[in-house]
Amino acid sequence: FTQTCHLRIHMMIHTEEKPYQCSHCDKAFIQNSQLKYHIRSHNRGKPYQNNQCDRTFKQTSNLKCHIITHTGEEPNKCRQCDKAFSQKYHLMVHLTTHTGEKPY
């Protein structure tokens, strides 16, 4: 082997060591990349996964909105009172408090 990491991975085949366990089933893998590939089989309908909490989504836009919940980022700011929100929709709902609009 040209690299020691390749030798280490190869040796795991002989020792049957599989340190990467799937949290959805009882399968285990030698490499983390193999586990990530396998996890996709559980998420066929939702291929976009958050690496921080393993939550999955059908669209990348939904994943991006969700990731903000981990960062605490609030990029949508009200120009009237400086209150900030993580999602644009929540800002739009908030704006009705200034206009008196009752959409529902």
PDB file of N, CA and C in Angstrom:
ATOM      1  N   PHE A   1       0.841  -1.186   0.000  1.00  0.00           N
ATOM      2  CA  PHE A   1       0.000   0.000   0.000  1.00  0.00           C
ATOM      3  C   PHE A   1       0.880   1.242   0.000  1.00  0.00           C
ATOM      4  N   THR A   2       0.445   2.245  -0.735  1.00  0.00           N
ATOM      5  CA  THR A   2       1.234   3.472  -0.818  1.00  0.00           C
ATOM      6  C   THR A   2       1.002   4.387   0.377  1.00  0.00           C
ATOM      7  N   GLN A   3      -0.125   4.225   1.056  1.00  0.00           N
ATOM      8  CA  GLN A   3      -0.422   5.063   2.222  1.00  0.00           C
ATOM      9  C   GLN A   3      -0.847   4.177   3.391  1.00  0.00           C
ATOM     10  N   THR A   4      -0.441   4.582   4.589  1.00  0.00           N
ATOM     11  CA  THR A   4      -0.761   3.776   5.770  1.00  0.00           C
ATOM     12  C   THR A   4      -2.263   3.706   6.033  1.00  0.00           C
ATOM     13  N   CYS A   5      -2.993   4.760   5.664  1.00  0.00           N
ATOM     14  CA  CYS A   5      -4.442   4.727   5.902  1.00  0.00           C
ATOM     15  C   CYS A   5      -5.104   3.640   5.055  1.00  0.00           C
ATOM     16  N   HIS A   6      -4.573   3.387   3.860  1.00  0.00           N
ATOM     17  CA  HIS A   6      -5.120   2.318   3.018  1.00  0.00           C
ATOM     18  C   HIS A   6      -4.837   0.946   3.631  1.00  0.00           C
ATOM     19  N   LEU A   7      -3.665   0.798   4.214  1.00  0.00           N
ATOM     20  CA  LEU A   7      -3.326  -0.454   4.896  1.00  0.00           C
ATOM     21  C   LEU A   7      -4.253  -0.665   6.094  1.00  0.00           C
ATOM     22  N   ARG A   8      -4.484   0.403   6.862  1.00  0.00           N
ATOM     23  CA  ARG A   8      -5.352   0.321   8.034  1.00  0.00           C
ATOM     24  C   ARG A   8      -6.769  -0.115   7.629  1.00  0.00           C
ATOM     25  N   ILE A   9      -7.277   0.472   6.562  1.00  0.00           N
ATOM     26  CA  ILE A   9      -8.611   0.107   6.077  1.00  0.00           C
ATOM     27  C   ILE A   9      -8.627  -1.346   5.626  1.00  0.00           C
ATOM     28  N   HIS A  10      -7.579  -1.764   4.929  1.00  0.00           N
ATOM     29  CA  HIS A  10      -7.499  -3.145   4.464  1.00  0.00           C
ATOM     30  C   HIS A  10      -7.458  -4.124   5.643  1.00  0.00           C
ATOM     31  N   MET A  11      -6.727  -3.775   6.676  1.00  0.00           N
ATOM     32  CA  MET A  11      -6.624  -4.653   7.849  1.00  0.00           C
ATOM     33  C   MET A  11      -7.984  -4.828   8.533  1.00  0.00           C
ATOM     34  N   MET A  12      -8.830  -3.819   8.461  1.00  0.00           N
ATOM     35  CA  MET A  12     -10.162  -3.918   9.061  1.00  0.00           C
ATOM     36  C   MET A  12     -10.991  -5.011   8.396  1.00  0.00           C
ATOM     37  N   ILE A  13     -10.711  -5.287   7.146  1.00  0.00           N
ATOM     38  CA  ILE A  13     -11.408  -6.378   6.452  1.00  0.00           C
ATOM     39  C   ILE A  13     -11.106  -7.698   7.152  1.00  0.00           C
ATOM     40  N   HIS A  14      -9.838  -7.898   7.516  1.00  0.00           N
ATOM     41  CA  HIS A  14      -9.419  -9.150   8.150  1.00  0.00           C
ATOM     42  C   HIS A  14      -9.890  -9.253   9.606  1.00  0.00           C
ATOM     43  N   THR A  15      -9.931  -8.127  10.289  1.00  0.00           N
ATOM     44  CA  THR A  15     -10.354  -8.145  11.695  1.00  0.00           C
ATOM     45  C   THR A  15     -11.868  -8.009  11.839  1.00  0.00           C
ATOM     46  N   GLU A  16     -12.534  -7.764  10.719  1.00  0.00           N
ATOM     47  CA  GLU A  16     -13.985  -7.561  10.676  1.00  0.00           C
ATOM     48  C   GLU A  16     -14.423  -6.388  11.551  1.00  0.00           C
ATOM     49  N   GLU A  17     -13.523  -5.434  11.719  1.00  0.00           N
ATOM     50  CA  GLU A  17     -13.832  -4.225  12.479  1.00  0.00           C
ATOM     51  C   GLU A  17     -14.651  -3.274  11.600  1.00  0.00           C
ATOM     52  N   LYS A  18     -15.792  -2.851  12.121  1.00  0.00           N
ATOM     53  CA  LYS A  18     -16.673  -1.927  11.392  1.00  0.00           C
ATOM     54  C   LYS A  18     -17.153  -0.854  12.371  1.00  0.00           C
ATOM     55  N   PRO A  19     -16.392   0.210  12.518  1.00  0.00           N
ATOM     56  CA  PRO A  19     -16.706   1.210  13.539  1.00  0.00           C
ATOM     57  C   PRO A  19     -17.860   2.161  13.211  1.00  0.00           C
ATOM     58  N   TYR A  20     -18.318   2.183  11.965  1.00  0.00           N
ATOM     59  CA  TYR A  20     -19.369   3.129  11.572  1.00  0.00           C
ATOM     60  C   TYR A  20     -20.718   2.420  11.490  1.00  0.00           C
ATOM     61  N   GLN A  21     -21.539   2.623  12.515  1.00  0.00           N
ATOM     62  CA  GLN A  21     -22.824   1.944  12.678  1.00  0.00           C
ATOM     63  C   GLN A  21     -23.959   2.815  12.160  1.00  0.00           C
ATOM     64  N   CYS A  22     -24.868   2.222  11.402  1.00  0.00           N
ATOM     65  CA  CYS A  22     -26.058   2.920  10.921  1.00  0.00           C
ATOM     66  C   CYS A  22     -27.040   3.070  12.081  1.00  0.00           C
ATOM     67  N   SER A  23     -27.569   4.269  12.250  1.00  0.00           N
ATOM     68  CA  SER A  23     -28.528   4.506  13.335  1.00  0.00           C
ATOM     69  C   SER A  23     -29.950   4.091  12.953  1.00  0.00           C
ATOM     70  N   HIS A  24     -30.150   3.722  11.676  1.00  0.00           N
ATOM     71  CA  HIS A  24     -31.475   3.320  11.205  1.00  0.00           C
ATOM     72  C   HIS A  24     -31.659   1.800  11.166  1.00  0.00           C
ATOM     73  N   CYS A  25     -30.557   1.075  11.087  1.00  0.00           N
ATOM     74  CA  CYS A  25     -30.631  -0.385  11.036  1.00  0.00           C
ATOM     75  C   CYS A  25     -29.370  -0.961  11.684  1.00  0.00           C
ATOM     76  N   ASP A  26     -29.175  -2.267  11.591  1.00  0.00           N
ATOM     77  CA  ASP A  26     -28.043  -2.888  12.285  1.00  0.00           C
ATOM     78  C   ASP A  26     -26.783  -3.016  11.427  1.00  0.00           C
ATOM     79  N   LYS A  27     -26.738  -2.389  10.265  1.00  0.00           N
ATOM     80  CA  LYS A  27     -25.558  -2.489   9.404  1.00  0.00           C
ATOM     81  C   LYS A  27     -24.432  -1.603   9.920  1.00  0.00           C
ATOM     82  N   ALA A  28     -23.195  -2.068   9.692  1.00  0.00           N
ATOM     83  CA  ALA A  28     -22.007  -1.315  10.089  1.00  0.00           C
ATOM     84  C   ALA A  28     -21.003  -1.338   8.941  1.00  0.00           C
ATOM     85  N   PHE A  29     -20.099  -0.350   8.944  1.00  0.00           N
ATOM     86  CA  PHE A  29     -19.191  -0.177   7.815  1.00  0.00           C
ATOM     87  C   PHE A  29     -17.782   0.163   8.274  1.00  0.00           C
ATOM     88  N   ILE A  30     -16.826  -0.121   7.408  1.00  0.00           N
ATOM     89  CA  ILE A  30     -15.421   0.150   7.686  1.00  0.00           C
ATOM     90  C   ILE A  30     -15.128   1.643   7.583  1.00  0.00           C
ATOM     91  N   GLN A  31     -15.734   2.303   6.605  1.00  0.00           N
ATOM     92  CA  GLN A  31     -15.465   3.720   6.367  1.00  0.00           C
ATOM     93  C   GLN A  31     -16.727   4.565   6.544  1.00  0.00           C
ATOM     94  N   ASN A  32     -16.525   5.797   6.986  1.00  0.00           N
ATOM     95  CA  ASN A  32     -17.636   6.725   7.155  1.00  0.00           C
ATOM     96  C   ASN A  32     -18.314   7.016   5.817  1.00  0.00           C
ATOM     97  N   SER A  33     -17.552   7.091   4.748  1.00  0.00           N
ATOM     98  CA  SER A  33     -18.127   7.358   3.424  1.00  0.00           C
ATOM     99  C   SER A  33     -19.088   6.242   3.012  1.00  0.00           C
ATOM    100  N   GLN A  34     -18.780   5.007   3.388  1.00  0.00           N
ATOM    101  CA  GLN A  34     -19.673   3.883   3.094  1.00  0.00           C
ATOM    102  C   GLN A  34     -20.983   4.024   3.872  1.00  0.00           C
ATOM    103  N   LEU A  35     -20.879   4.447   5.120  1.00  0.00           N
ATOM    104  CA  LEU A  35     -22.070   4.654   5.944  1.00  0.00           C
ATOM    105  C   LEU A  35     -22.944   5.750   5.350  1.00  0.00           C
ATOM    106  N   LYS A  36     -22.339   6.871   4.953  1.00  0.00           N
ATOM    107  CA  LYS A  36     -23.106   7.972   4.367  1.00  0.00           C
ATOM    108  C   LYS A  36     -23.829   7.523   3.102  1.00  0.00           C
ATOM    109  N   TYR A  37     -23.156   6.737   2.284  1.00  0.00           N
ATOM    110  CA  TYR A  37     -23.776   6.224   1.065  1.00  0.00           C
ATOM    111  C   TYR A  37     -24.955   5.314   1.423  1.00  0.00           C
ATOM    112  N   HIS A  38     -24.771   4.475   2.427  1.00  0.00           N
ATOM    113  CA  HIS A  38     -25.820   3.560   2.875  1.00  0.00           C
ATOM    114  C   HIS A  38     -27.034   4.321   3.420  1.00  0.00           C
ATOM    115  N   ILE A  39     -26.804   5.372   4.179  1.00  0.00           N
ATOM    116  CA  ILE A  39     -27.897   6.136   4.791  1.00  0.00           C
ATOM    117  C   ILE A  39     -28.841   6.675   3.725  1.00  0.00           C
ATOM    118  N   ARG A  40     -28.328   6.949   2.550  1.00  0.00           N
ATOM    119  CA  ARG A  40     -29.182   7.416   1.451  1.00  0.00           C
ATOM    120  C   ARG A  40     -30.281   6.412   1.128  1.00  0.00           C
ATOM    121  N   SER A  41     -30.016   5.119   1.351  1.00  0.00           N
ATOM    122  CA  SER A  41     -31.031   4.100   1.068  1.00  0.00           C
ATOM    123  C   SER A  41     -32.235   4.248   2.001  1.00  0.00           C
ATOM    124  N   HIS A  42     -32.011   4.820   3.173  1.00  0.00           N
ATOM    125  CA  HIS A  42     -33.108   5.065   4.107  1.00  0.00           C
ATOM    126  C   HIS A  42     -33.851   6.360   3.769  1.00  0.00           C
ATOM    127  N   ASN A  43     -33.210   7.233   3.012  1.00  0.00           N
ATOM    128  CA  ASN A  43     -33.755   8.564   2.738  1.00  0.00           C
ATOM    129  C   ASN A  43     -34.059   8.782   1.263  1.00  0.00           C
ATOM    130  N   ARG A  44     -34.479   7.768   0.567  1.00  0.00           N
ATOM    131  CA  ARG A  44     -34.697   7.903  -0.880  1.00  0.00           C
ATOM    132  C   ARG A  44     -35.614   9.063  -1.232  1.00  0.00           C
ATOM    133  N   GLY A  45     -36.655   9.270  -0.455  1.00  0.00           N
ATOM    134  CA  GLY A  45     -37.585  10.351  -0.741  1.00  0.00           C
ATOM    135  C   GLY A  45     -37.078  11.715  -0.297  1.00  0.00           C
ATOM    136  N   LYS A  46     -36.079  11.725   0.583  1.00  0.00           N
ATOM    137  CA  LYS A  46     -35.525  12.970   1.115  1.00  0.00           C
ATOM    138  C   LYS A  46     -33.995  12.891   1.054  1.00  0.00           C
ATOM    139  N   PRO A  47     -33.422  13.194  -0.101  1.00  0.00           N
ATOM    140  CA  PRO A  47     -31.987  12.971  -0.295  1.00  0.00           C
ATOM    141  C   PRO A  47     -31.053  14.004   0.340  1.00  0.00           C
ATOM    142  N   TYR A  48     -31.570  15.138   0.822  1.00  0.00           N
ATOM    143  CA  TYR A  48     -30.701  16.188   1.353  1.00  0.00           C
ATOM    144  C   TYR A  48     -30.677  16.114   2.870  1.00  0.00           C
ATOM    145  N   GLN A  49     -29.491  15.828   3.413  1.00  0.00           N
ATOM    146  CA  GLN A  49     -29.367  15.554   4.843  1.00  0.00           C
ATOM    147  C   GLN A  49     -28.536  16.614   5.555  1.00  0.00           C
ATOM    148  N   ASN A  50     -28.985  16.998   6.741  1.00  0.00           N
ATOM    149  CA  ASN A  50     -28.232  17.899   7.600  1.00  0.00           C
ATOM    150  C   ASN A  50     -27.234  17.058   8.392  1.00  0.00           C
ATOM    151  N   ASN A  51     -25.970  17.389   8.290  1.00  0.00           N
ATOM    152  CA  ASN A  51     -24.929  16.606   8.965  1.00  0.00           C
ATOM    153  C   ASN A  51     -24.904  16.827  10.474  1.00  0.00           C
ATOM    154  N   GLN A  52     -25.525  17.906  10.942  1.00  0.00           N
ATOM    155  CA  GLN A  52     -25.509  18.180  12.378  1.00  0.00           C
ATOM    156  C   GLN A  52     -26.531  17.358  13.150  1.00  0.00           C
ATOM    157  N   CYS A  53     -27.686  17.113  12.545  1.00  0.00           N
ATOM    158  CA  CYS A  53     -28.734  16.404  13.290  1.00  0.00           C
ATOM    159  C   CYS A  53     -29.342  15.242  12.495  1.00  0.00           C
ATOM    160  N   ASP A  54     -28.827  14.961  11.317  1.00  0.00           N
ATOM    161  CA  ASP A  54     -29.277  13.857  10.452  1.00  0.00           C
ATOM    162  C   ASP A  54     -30.705  14.013   9.933  1.00  0.00           C
ATOM    163  N   ARG A  55     -31.309  15.180  10.085  1.00  0.00           N
ATOM    164  CA  ARG A  55     -32.642  15.415   9.527  1.00  0.00           C
ATOM    165  C   ARG A  55     -32.531  15.504   8.007  1.00  0.00           C
ATOM    166  N   THR A  56     -33.536  15.007   7.303  1.00  0.00           N
ATOM    167  CA  THR A  56     -33.491  14.970   5.845  1.00  0.00           C
ATOM    168  C   THR A  56     -34.617  15.797   5.231  1.00  0.00           C
ATOM    169  N   PHE A  57     -34.376  16.243   3.983  1.00  0.00           N
ATOM    170  CA  PHE A  57     -35.314  17.113   3.288  1.00  0.00           C
ATOM    171  C   PHE A  57     -35.405  16.738   1.820  1.00  0.00           C
ATOM    172  N   LYS A  58     -36.547  17.054   1.212  1.00  0.00           N
ATOM    173  CA  LYS A  58     -36.751  16.783  -0.211  1.00  0.00           C
ATOM    174  C   LYS A  58     -36.067  17.820  -1.088  1.00  0.00           C
ATOM    175  N   GLN A  59     -35.935  19.049  -0.602  1.00  0.00           N
ATOM    176  CA  GLN A  59     -35.365  20.128  -1.399  1.00  0.00           C
ATOM    177  C   GLN A  59     -34.208  20.786  -0.664  1.00  0.00           C
ATOM    178  N   THR A  60     -33.212  21.242  -1.435  1.00  0.00           N
ATOM    179  CA  THR A  60     -32.061  21.913  -0.825  1.00  0.00           C
ATOM    180  C   THR A  60     -32.476  23.212  -0.147  1.00  0.00           C
ATOM    181  N   SER A  61     -33.482  23.886  -0.684  1.00  0.00           N
ATOM    182  CA  SER A  61     -33.924  25.149  -0.077  1.00  0.00           C
ATOM    183  C   SER A  61     -34.456  24.911   1.338  1.00  0.00           C
ATOM    184  N   ASN A  62     -35.158  23.808   1.542  1.00  0.00           N
ATOM    185  CA  ASN A  62     -35.658  23.479   2.883  1.00  0.00           C
ATOM    186  C   ASN A  62     -34.514  23.141   3.831  1.00  0.00           C
ATOM    187  N   LEU A  63     -33.501  22.453   3.309  1.00  0.00           N
ATOM    188  CA  LEU A  63     -32.326  22.142   4.126  1.00  0.00           C
ATOM    189  C   LEU A  63     -31.627  23.430   4.550  1.00  0.00           C
ATOM    190  N   LYS A  64     -31.460  24.371   3.624  1.00  0.00           N
ATOM    191  CA  LYS A  64     -30.792  25.638   3.941  1.00  0.00           C
ATOM    192  C   LYS A  64     -31.547  26.412   5.016  1.00  0.00           C
ATOM    193  N   CYS A  65     -32.868  26.438   4.912  1.00  0.00           N
ATOM    194  CA  CYS A  65     -33.677  27.111   5.945  1.00  0.00           C
ATOM    195  C   CYS A  65     -33.511  26.424   7.293  1.00  0.00           C
ATOM    196  N   HIS A  66     -33.450  25.108   7.285  1.00  0.00           N
ATOM    197  CA  HIS A  66     -33.308  24.352   8.528  1.00  0.00           C
ATOM    198  C   HIS A  66     -31.941  24.583   9.172  1.00  0.00           C
ATOM    199  N   ILE A  67     -30.895  24.639   8.375  1.00  0.00           N
ATOM    200  CA  ILE A  67     -29.535  24.802   8.903  1.00  0.00           C
ATOM    201  C   ILE A  67     -29.432  26.072   9.744  1.00  0.00           C
ATOM    202  N   ILE A  68     -30.183  27.102   9.370  1.00  0.00           N
ATOM    203  CA  ILE A  68     -30.165  28.359  10.118  1.00  0.00           C
ATOM    204  C   ILE A  68     -30.611  28.150  11.565  1.00  0.00           C
ATOM    205  N   THR A  69     -31.439  27.147  11.821  1.00  0.00           N
ATOM    206  CA  THR A  69     -31.878  26.895  13.197  1.00  0.00           C
ATOM    207  C   THR A  69     -30.708  26.471  14.085  1.00  0.00           C
ATOM    208  N   HIS A  70     -29.666  25.898  13.490  1.00  0.00           N
ATOM    209  CA  HIS A  70     -28.487  25.490  14.257  1.00  0.00           C
ATOM    210  C   HIS A  70     -27.524  26.652  14.477  1.00  0.00           C
ATOM    211  N   THR A  71     -27.461  27.569  13.516  1.00  0.00           N
ATOM    212  CA  THR A  71     -26.502  28.675  13.608  1.00  0.00           C
ATOM    213  C   THR A  71     -27.029  29.836  14.434  1.00  0.00           C
ATOM    214  N   GLY A  72     -28.362  29.927  14.576  1.00  0.00           N
ATOM    215  CA  GLY A  72     -28.946  31.048  15.298  1.00  0.00           C
ATOM    216  C   GLY A  72     -29.003  32.320  14.462  1.00  0.00           C
ATOM    217  N   GLU A  73     -28.637  32.215  13.210  1.00  0.00           N
ATOM    218  CA  GLU A  73     -28.626  33.365  12.307  1.00  0.00           C
ATOM    219  C   GLU A  73     -30.052  33.874  12.083  1.00  0.00           C
ATOM    220  N   GLU A  74     -30.205  35.196  12.069  1.00  0.00           N
ATOM    221  CA  GLU A  74     -31.508  35.823  11.817  1.00  0.00           C
ATOM    222  C   GLU A  74     -31.331  36.931  10.778  1.00  0.00           C
ATOM    223  N   PRO A  75     -31.221  36.558   9.511  1.00  0.00           N
ATOM    224  CA  PRO A  75     -30.911  37.540   8.467  1.00  0.00           C
ATOM    225  C   PRO A  75     -32.087  38.416   8.026  1.00  0.00           C
ATOM    226  N   ASN A  76     -33.298  38.087   8.434  1.00  0.00           N
ATOM    227  CA  ASN A  76     -34.486  38.832   8.001  1.00  0.00           C
ATOM    228  C   ASN A  76     -34.905  39.806   9.097  1.00  0.00           C
ATOM    229  N   LYS A  77     -34.560  41.084   8.903  1.00  0.00           N
ATOM    230  CA  LYS A  77     -34.760  42.094   9.932  1.00  0.00           C
ATOM    231  C   LYS A  77     -35.913  43.033   9.589  1.00  0.00           C
ATOM    232  N   CYS A  78     -36.715  43.341  10.588  1.00  0.00           N
ATOM    233  CA  CYS A  78     -37.813  44.293  10.429  1.00  0.00           C
ATOM    234  C   CYS A  78     -37.222  45.704  10.409  1.00  0.00           C
ATOM    235  N   ARG A  79     -37.592  46.498   9.417  1.00  0.00           N
ATOM    236  CA  ARG A  79     -37.068  47.863   9.292  1.00  0.00           C
ATOM    237  C   ARG A  79     -37.757  48.837  10.249  1.00  0.00           C
ATOM    238  N   GLN A  80     -38.873  48.425  10.806  1.00  0.00           N
ATOM    239  CA  GLN A  80     -39.612  49.330  11.687  1.00  0.00           C
ATOM    240  C   GLN A  80     -39.224  49.187  13.158  1.00  0.00           C
ATOM    241  N   CYS A  81     -38.865  47.974  13.574  1.00  0.00           N
ATOM    242  CA  CYS A  81     -38.539  47.797  14.997  1.00  0.00           C
ATOM    243  C   CYS A  81     -37.244  47.014  15.233  1.00  0.00           C
ATOM    244  N   ASP A  82     -36.540  46.654  14.171  1.00  0.00           N
ATOM    245  CA  ASP A  82     -35.266  45.923  14.240  1.00  0.00           C
ATOM    246  C   ASP A  82     -35.363  44.506  14.795  1.00  0.00           C
ATOM    247  N   LYS A  83     -36.565  43.985  14.932  1.00  0.00           N
ATOM    248  CA  LYS A  83     -36.710  42.589  15.340  1.00  0.00           C
ATOM    249  C   LYS A  83     -36.230  41.719  14.173  1.00  0.00           C
ATOM    250  N   ALA A  84     -35.562  40.605  14.473  1.00  0.00           N
ATOM    251  CA  ALA A  84     -34.990  39.766  13.414  1.00  0.00           C
ATOM    252  C   ALA A  84     -35.556  38.351  13.468  1.00  0.00           C
ATOM    253  N   PHE A  85     -35.572  37.708  12.295  1.00  0.00           N
ATOM    254  CA  PHE A  85     -36.144  36.371  12.156  1.00  0.00           C
ATOM    255  C   PHE A  85     -35.242  35.500  11.296  1.00  0.00           C
ATOM    256  N   SER A  86     -35.283  34.204  11.556  1.00  0.00           N
ATOM    257  CA  SER A  86     -34.462  33.272  10.778  1.00  0.00           C
ATOM    258  C   SER A  86     -35.039  33.042   9.388  1.00  0.00           C
ATOM    259  N   GLN A  87     -36.358  33.143   9.254  1.00  0.00           N
ATOM    260  CA  GLN A  87     -36.990  32.877   7.962  1.00  0.00           C
ATOM    261  C   GLN A  87     -37.823  34.069   7.514  1.00  0.00           C
ATOM    262  N   LYS A  88     -37.824  34.291   6.207  1.00  0.00           N
ATOM    263  CA  LYS A  88     -38.540  35.430   5.629  1.00  0.00           C
ATOM    264  C   LYS A  88     -40.039  35.361   5.937  1.00  0.00           C
ATOM    265  N   TYR A  89     -40.594  34.172   5.909  1.00  0.00           N
ATOM    266  CA  TYR A  89     -42.022  34.004   6.191  1.00  0.00           C
ATOM    267  C   TYR A  89     -42.384  34.565   7.566  1.00  0.00           C
ATOM    268  N   HIS A  90     -41.551  34.306   8.567  1.00  0.00           N
ATOM    269  CA  HIS A  90     -41.825  34.790   9.919  1.00  0.00           C
ATOM    270  C   HIS A  90     -41.753  36.317   9.981  1.00  0.00           C
ATOM    271  N   LEU A  91     -40.857  36.907   9.197  1.00  0.00           N
ATOM    272  CA  LEU A  91     -40.802  38.364   9.110  1.00  0.00           C
ATOM    273  C   LEU A  91     -42.090  38.908   8.503  1.00  0.00           C
ATOM    274  N   MET A  92     -42.567  38.277   7.446  1.00  0.00           N
ATOM    275  CA  MET A  92     -43.790  38.734   6.780  1.00  0.00           C
ATOM    276  C   MET A  92     -44.986  38.686   7.739  1.00  0.00           C
ATOM    277  N   VAL A  93     -45.079  37.642   8.527  1.00  0.00           N
ATOM    278  CA  VAL A  93     -46.157  37.542   9.518  1.00  0.00           C
ATOM    279  C   VAL A  93     -46.001  38.654  10.552  1.00  0.00           C
ATOM    280  N   HIS A  94     -44.774  38.895  10.990  1.00  0.00           N
ATOM    281  CA  HIS A  94     -44.505  39.944  11.978  1.00  0.00           C
ATOM    282  C   HIS A  94     -44.906  41.322  11.457  1.00  0.00           C
ATOM    283  N   LEU A  95     -44.647  41.595  10.191  1.00  0.00           N
ATOM    284  CA  LEU A  95     -44.947  42.913   9.615  1.00  0.00           C
ATOM    285  C   LEU A  95     -46.421  43.280   9.759  1.00  0.00           C
ATOM    286  N   THR A  96     -47.286  42.285   9.822  1.00  0.00           N
ATOM    287  CA  THR A  96     -48.720  42.572   9.976  1.00  0.00           C
ATOM    288  C   THR A  96     -49.026  43.205  11.335  1.00  0.00           C
ATOM    289  N   THR A  97     -48.139  43.042  12.318  1.00  0.00           N
ATOM    290  CA  THR A  97     -48.365  43.685  13.619  1.00  0.00           C
ATOM    291  C   THR A  97     -48.211  45.200  13.511  1.00  0.00           C
ATOM    292  N   HIS A  98     -47.445  45.664  12.532  1.00  0.00           N
ATOM    293  CA  HIS A  98     -47.263  47.101  12.332  1.00  0.00           C
ATOM    294  C   HIS A  98     -48.377  47.700  11.476  1.00  0.00           C
ATOM    295  N   THR A  99     -48.927  46.908  10.573  1.00  0.00           N
ATOM    296  CA  THR A  99     -49.953  47.419   9.655  1.00  0.00           C
ATOM    297  C   THR A  99     -51.361  47.213  10.189  1.00  0.00           C
ATOM    298  N   GLY A 100     -51.511  46.339  11.170  1.00  0.00           N
ATOM    299  CA  GLY A 100     -52.839  46.032  11.689  1.00  0.00           C
ATOM    300  C   GLY A 100     -53.592  45.040  10.819  1.00  0.00           C
ATOM    301  N   GLU A 101     -52.940  44.567   9.780  1.00  0.00           N
ATOM    302  CA  GLU A 101     -53.555  43.604   8.855  1.00  0.00           C
ATOM    303  C   GLU A 101     -53.802  42.289   9.579  1.00  0.00           C
ATOM    304  N   LYS A 102     -54.961  41.693   9.312  1.00  0.00           N
ATOM    305  CA  LYS A 102     -55.297  40.389   9.888  1.00  0.00           C
ATOM    306  C   LYS A 102     -55.644  39.453   8.740  1.00  0.00           C
ATOM    307  N   PRO A 103     -54.629  38.803   8.176  1.00  0.00           N
ATOM    308  CA  PRO A 103     -54.858  37.998   6.979  1.00  0.00           C
ATOM    309  C   PRO A 103     -55.657  36.723   7.210  1.00  0.00           C
ATOM    310  N   TYR A 104     -55.828  36.312   8.478  1.00  0.00           N
ATOM    311  CA  TYR A 104     -56.527  35.036   8.712  1.00  0.00           C
ATOM    312  C   TYR A 104     -57.770  35.240   9.529  1.00  0.00           C
TER     313      TYR A 104
END
